[in-house]
Amino acid sequence: MADGDSFKKQLQQLNEWRSGLTEEAIRLPQTLSDLRTAITDLRSVTQRLESATTAIEVLVSHAEASGVAPLVRSLDGTARELETQFRDNTGKVLSGDIGSIEPVKELRRTVDALTSLLPSKADDSE
């Protein structure tokens, strides 16, 4: 009887496999349609990314050529240095650890360097 049970089990597995295969075959047209839509969407996204990348490259090129980008980098570096010095000096003042006036002078030099990069009112009127 063991052979009969084994045969029934194999037949049941074969029927389950056939049912699963039939269900997949029924869903195949929708799956293929979804795949085509995904490919179209991916192409569109890729084209938009390429356009955006090209625009950014042109913008960076113009910024470098016009001198804006180096000025921005200089301002950013000076501003960071100013923040660091201000934070360090504030900590020293709050703790009462001001040993000399030199940190204040350094902070003033940094502020002067920062303001020298900004256009003056006389430049605006021209």
Protein backbone atom coordinates (compact mmCIF):
# COMPACT_ATOMS: atom_id res chain seq x y z
CA MET A 1 0.00 0.00 0.00
CA ALA A 2 2.96 2.26 0.48
CA ASP A 3 3.41 2.47 -3.30
CA GLY A 4 -0.22 3.58 -3.73
CA ASP A 5 0.20 6.38 -1.16
CA SER A 6 3.41 7.50 -2.85
CA PHE A 7 1.69 7.54 -6.25
CA LYS A 8 -1.24 9.57 -4.86
CA LYS A 9 1.16 12.05 -3.28
CA GLN A 10 3.09 12.46 -6.53
CA LEU A 11 -0.17 12.88 -8.47
CA GLN A 12 -1.32 15.53 -5.96
CA GLN A 13 2.00 17.38 -6.30
CA LEU A 14 1.72 17.21 -10.09
CA ASN A 15 -1.82 18.66 -9.93
CA GLU A 16 -0.65 21.47 -7.61
CA TRP A 17 2.24 22.25 -9.95
CA ARG A 18 -0.14 22.28 -12.94
CA SER A 19 -2.54 24.62 -11.09
CA GLY A 20 0.30 26.99 -10.17
CA LEU A 21 1.58 26.97 -13.73
CA THR A 22 -1.92 27.69 -15.07
CA GLU A 23 -2.31 30.64 -12.67
CA GLU A 24 1.04 32.05 -13.77
CA ALA A 25 0.07 31.66 -17.43
CA ILE A 26 -3.17 33.53 -16.78
CA ARG A 27 -1.26 36.40 -15.10
CA LEU A 28 1.47 36.50 -17.76
CA PRO A 29 -0.14 39.15 -20.03
CA GLN A 30 -0.53 41.57 -17.10
CA THR A 31 2.99 40.82 -15.88
CA LEU A 32 4.41 41.56 -19.33
CA SER A 33 2.36 44.75 -19.57
CA ASP A 34 3.64 45.88 -16.16
CA LEU A 35 7.19 45.10 -17.27
CA ARG A 36 6.77 47.18 -20.45
CA THR A 37 5.42 50.09 -18.38
CA ALA A 38 8.33 49.84 -15.94
CA ILE A 39 10.84 49.89 -18.81
CA THR A 40 9.17 52.95 -20.34
CA ASP A 41 9.17 54.71 -16.96
CA LEU A 42 12.83 53.81 -16.43
CA ARG A 43 13.75 55.25 -19.84
CA SER A 44 11.92 58.48 -18.99
CA VAL A 45 13.68 58.77 -15.64
CA THR A 46 17.04 58.07 -17.28
CA GLN A 47 16.47 60.78 -19.89
CA ARG A 48 15.48 63.28 -17.21
CA LEU A 49 18.55 62.42 -15.13
CA GLU A 50 20.77 62.88 -18.19
CA SER A 51 19.19 66.29 -18.87
CA ALA A 52 19.57 67.35 -15.25
CA THR A 53 23.20 66.20 -15.18
CA THR A 54 23.96 68.14 -18.35
CA ALA A 55 22.30 71.27 -16.94
CA ILE A 56 24.28 70.99 -13.71
CA GLU A 57 27.53 70.55 -15.64
CA VAL A 58 26.78 73.67 -17.71
CA LEU A 59 25.86 75.63 -14.58
CA VAL A 60 29.07 74.62 -12.81
CA SER A 61 31.09 75.47 -15.92
CA HIS A 62 29.51 78.94 -16.10
CA ALA A 63 30.02 79.46 -12.35
CA GLU A 64 33.70 78.55 -12.65
CA ALA A 65 34.22 80.70 -15.74
CA SER A 66 32.48 83.73 -14.24
CA GLY A 67 34.44 83.55 -10.99
CA VAL A 68 31.33 83.00 -8.87
CA ALA A 69 32.31 79.48 -7.77
CA PRO A 70 35.78 80.45 -6.48
CA LEU A 71 34.23 83.41 -4.64
CA VAL A 72 31.62 81.13 -3.03
CA ARG A 73 34.34 78.69 -1.95
CA SER A 74 36.36 81.55 -0.49
CA LEU A 75 33.33 82.93 1.37
CA ASP A 76 32.45 79.48 2.65
CA GLY A 77 35.98 78.84 3.92
CA THR A 78 36.13 82.22 5.61
CA ALA A 79 32.69 81.75 7.18
CA ARG A 80 33.72 78.36 8.55
CA GLU A 81 36.88 79.82 10.00
CA LEU A 82 34.84 82.64 11.53
CA GLU A 83 32.44 80.15 13.12
CA THR A 84 35.34 78.14 14.56
CA GLN A 85 37.06 81.21 15.99
CA PHE A 86 33.82 82.59 17.39
CA ARG A 87 32.97 79.28 19.04
CA ASP A 88 36.48 78.97 20.52
CA ASN A 89 36.51 82.57 21.77
CA THR A 90 32.98 82.34 23.20
CA GLY A 91 34.01 79.29 25.18
CA LYS A 92 37.07 81.09 26.52
CA VAL A 93 35.08 84.19 27.49
CA LEU A 94 32.39 82.16 29.24
CA SER A 95 34.99 80.18 31.18
CA GLY A 96 37.00 83.31 31.99
CA ASP A 97 40.02 81.85 30.20
CA ILE A 98 41.03 84.92 28.15
CA GLY A 99 44.80 84.97 28.56
CA SER A 100 45.47 87.52 25.84
CA ILE A 101 43.74 89.75 23.35
CA GLU A 102 45.27 87.79 20.41
CA PRO A 103 42.23 85.51 19.79
CA VAL A 104 40.02 88.61 19.53
CA LYS A 105 42.46 90.19 17.06
CA GLU A 106 42.44 86.99 14.99
CA LEU A 107 38.66 86.99 14.96
CA ARG A 108 38.66 90.61 13.82
CA ARG A 109 41.10 89.80 10.98
CA THR A 110 38.81 87.01 9.84
CA VAL A 111 35.77 89.31 9.91
CA ASP A 112 37.73 91.90 7.92
CA ALA A 113 38.70 89.24 5.35
CA LEU A 114 35.09 88.17 5.07
CA THR A 115 33.76 91.68 4.61
CA SER A 116 36.47 92.48 2.06
CA LEU A 117 34.96 89.80 -0.18
CA LEU A 118 31.55 91.48 -0.15
CA PRO A 119 30.72 94.20 -2.68
CA SER A 120 30.81 97.69 -1.24
CA LYS A 121 28.07 100.32 -1.58
CA ALA A 122 30.30 102.23 -4.02
CA ASP A 123 30.38 99.13 -6.29
CA ASP A 124 26.57 98.96 -6.25
CA SER A 125 26.13 102.51 -7.49
CA GLU A 126 28.27 101.96 -10.59
